[in-house]
Protein backbone atom coordinates (compact mmCIF):
# COMPACT_ATOMS: atom_id res chain seq x y z
CA MET A 1 -15.66 15.48 -14.33
CA LYS A 2 -18.73 14.80 -16.43
CA LYS A 3 -16.86 12.05 -18.27
CA TRP A 4 -15.93 10.25 -15.03
CA LEU A 5 -19.22 10.51 -13.14
CA PRO A 6 -21.10 7.90 -15.22
CA MET A 7 -18.25 5.42 -14.69
CA ALA A 8 -18.36 6.01 -10.93
CA CYS A 9 -22.12 5.46 -10.93
CA LEU A 10 -21.71 2.21 -12.85
CA LEU A 11 -19.09 1.03 -10.39
CA VAL A 12 -21.30 1.83 -7.42
CA SER A 13 -24.33 0.16 -8.98
CA GLY A 14 -22.13 -2.83 -9.78
CA PHE A 15 -21.18 -3.07 -6.11
CA ALA A 16 -24.82 -2.90 -5.07
CA ALA A 17 -25.96 -5.45 -7.62
CA ALA A 18 -23.18 -7.93 -6.84
CA GLN A 19 -23.90 -8.19 -3.14
CA GLN A 20 -25.61 -5.89 -0.69
CA ASN A 21 -22.81 -5.91 1.84
CA PRO A 22 -23.05 -3.17 4.48
CA ILE A 23 -19.67 -1.80 3.38
CA ASP A 24 -20.91 -1.49 -0.19
CA GLN A 25 -24.15 0.11 1.00
CA GLN A 26 -22.22 2.69 3.02
CA LEU A 27 -19.99 3.43 0.04
CA GLU A 28 -22.98 3.91 -2.22
CA GLN A 29 -24.69 6.21 0.29
CA CYS A 30 -21.52 8.22 0.78
CA LEU A 31 -20.93 8.66 -2.95
CA ASN A 32 -24.57 9.67 -3.46
CA LYS A 33 -24.32 12.50 -0.94
CA GLU A 34 -20.85 13.77 -1.93
CA SER A 35 -20.40 16.09 -4.88
CA SER A 36 -16.73 16.98 -4.58
CA THR A 37 -13.76 14.94 -5.71
CA ALA A 38 -12.25 15.20 -2.23
CA GLY A 39 -15.46 13.98 -0.58
CA MET A 40 -15.86 11.08 -2.97
CA SER A 41 -12.21 10.18 -2.49
CA GLN A 42 -12.84 10.00 1.27
CA CYS A 43 -15.77 7.67 0.60
CA TYR A 44 -13.46 5.29 -1.25
CA GLY A 45 -10.83 5.58 1.50
CA THR A 46 -13.37 4.67 4.18
CA ALA A 47 -14.68 1.72 2.16
CA ASN A 48 -11.15 0.54 1.44
CA LYS A 49 -10.31 0.55 5.17
CA ALA A 50 -13.51 -1.35 5.97
CA TRP A 51 -12.86 -3.97 3.28
CA ASP A 52 -9.23 -4.23 4.40
CA LYS A 53 -10.42 -4.96 7.94
CA GLU A 54 -12.82 -7.60 6.57
CA MET A 55 -10.06 -9.10 4.43
CA ASN A 56 -7.74 -9.34 7.43
CA ALA A 57 -10.48 -10.96 9.51
CA GLN A 58 -11.13 -13.54 6.79
CA TYR A 59 -7.39 -14.20 6.42
CA THR A 60 -6.95 -14.63 10.19
CA GLN A 61 -9.91 -17.02 10.32
CA ALA A 62 -8.54 -19.08 7.43
CA MET A 63 -5.06 -19.24 8.94
CA LYS A 64 -6.52 -20.56 12.20
CA LYS A 65 -8.33 -23.34 10.33
CA LEU A 66 -5.48 -24.45 8.09
CA THR A 67 -2.35 -26.43 8.89
CA GLY A 68 0.69 -27.64 7.00
CA ALA A 69 1.04 -27.03 3.28
CA PRO A 70 -2.38 -25.38 2.76
CA LYS A 71 -1.57 -22.83 5.47
CA ASP A 72 1.89 -22.15 4.03
CA LYS A 73 0.46 -21.76 0.53
CA LEU A 74 -2.22 -19.34 1.71
CA ARG A 75 0.37 -17.24 3.56
CA SER A 76 2.54 -17.16 0.44
CA ALA A 77 -0.44 -16.32 -1.80
CA GLN A 78 -1.59 -13.50 0.48
CA ARG A 79 1.88 -11.98 0.57
CA ALA A 80 2.08 -12.19 -3.23
CA TRP A 81 -1.39 -10.65 -3.51
CA LEU A 82 -0.36 -7.71 -1.30
CA THR A 83 2.64 -7.09 -3.54
CA TYR A 84 0.40 -7.33 -6.62
CA ARG A 85 -2.15 -4.92 -5.12
CA ASP A 86 0.47 -2.32 -4.33
CA SER A 87 2.13 -2.68 -7.72
CA TRP A 88 -1.20 -2.48 -9.58
CA LEU A 89 -2.32 0.62 -7.71
CA ASP A 90 1.06 2.28 -8.30
CA ALA A 91 0.82 1.60 -12.04
CA SER A 92 -2.82 2.64 -12.12
CA ARG A 93 -2.10 5.86 -10.22
CA SER A 94 0.69 6.68 -12.67
CA TYR A 95 -1.60 6.18 -15.65
CA PHE A 96 -4.65 7.97 -14.27
CA VAL A 97 -2.69 10.99 -13.02
CA SER A 98 -1.35 11.50 -16.52
CA SER A 99 -4.75 11.05 -18.20
CA GLN A 100 -7.30 12.33 -15.65
CA GLY A 101 -5.52 14.81 -13.41
CA THR A 102 -7.43 15.41 -10.18
CA MET A 103 -10.02 12.77 -11.07
CA ALA A 104 -7.29 10.14 -10.78
CA ALA A 105 -7.94 9.86 -7.04
CA LEU A 106 -11.44 8.54 -7.75
CA SER A 107 -10.28 5.99 -10.31
CA VAL A 108 -7.52 4.69 -8.06
CA GLY A 109 -9.82 4.77 -5.03
CA ALA A 110 -12.46 2.71 -6.84
CA GLN A 111 -9.85 0.21 -8.01
CA GLY A 112 -8.42 -0.10 -4.51
CA VAL A 113 -11.84 -0.87 -3.06
CA SER A 114 -12.52 -3.41 -5.78
CA LEU A 115 -9.20 -5.19 -5.31
CA VAL A 116 -9.51 -5.50 -1.53
CA ARG A 117 -13.22 -6.40 -1.69
CA ASN A 118 -12.51 -9.22 -4.14
CA GLN A 119 -9.66 -10.57 -2.02
CA ALA A 120 -11.84 -10.50 1.10
CA LEU A 121 -14.49 -12.51 -0.74
CA MET A 122 -11.90 -15.01 -2.01
CA LEU A 123 -10.67 -15.55 1.54
CA GLN A 124 -14.27 -15.85 2.70
CA SER A 125 -14.78 -18.66 0.18
CA ILE A 126 -11.94 -20.58 1.82
CA ASN A 127 -13.59 -20.11 5.20
CA LYS A 128 -16.94 -21.28 3.85
CA GLY A 129 -15.29 -24.23 2.17
CA SER A 130 -17.04 -23.44 -1.08
CA CYS A 131 -16.95 -21.14 -4.04
CA THR A 132 -20.02 -22.36 -5.88
CA ASN A 133 -21.91 -19.10 -5.52
CA PRO A 134 -20.20 -16.38 -7.63
CA ASP A 135 -20.96 -13.82 -4.91
CA ASP A 136 -18.85 -15.86 -2.49
CA CYS A 137 -15.67 -15.77 -4.55
């Protein structure tokens, strides 16, 4: 566990530094108060659900704005991204379970949050019509 804790702290501080989103703040607070693997895993699960909700809201907003080919391409890209996300997390879970044992849940949880957070921000950049600020995309 000692080997993994510094990586988790770096991930959390990376979230905080990148953008002080309320979801990221709640994740950081949750991880700071939890000391068990199960508790920290729940923190990641809660954050993942919140980012998933944000991602779906951004996707819905973009789909309402777009028409024709751009709308079709976004739908196709989102479906492909969902397949990628699931495949990546399956591969990641397989690797981390074999190398980290019970700590694998934290690694996979952190990756899941990161993947969904990044996709939500990419969709947000479409809704803003810009991706010039790195925190927006």
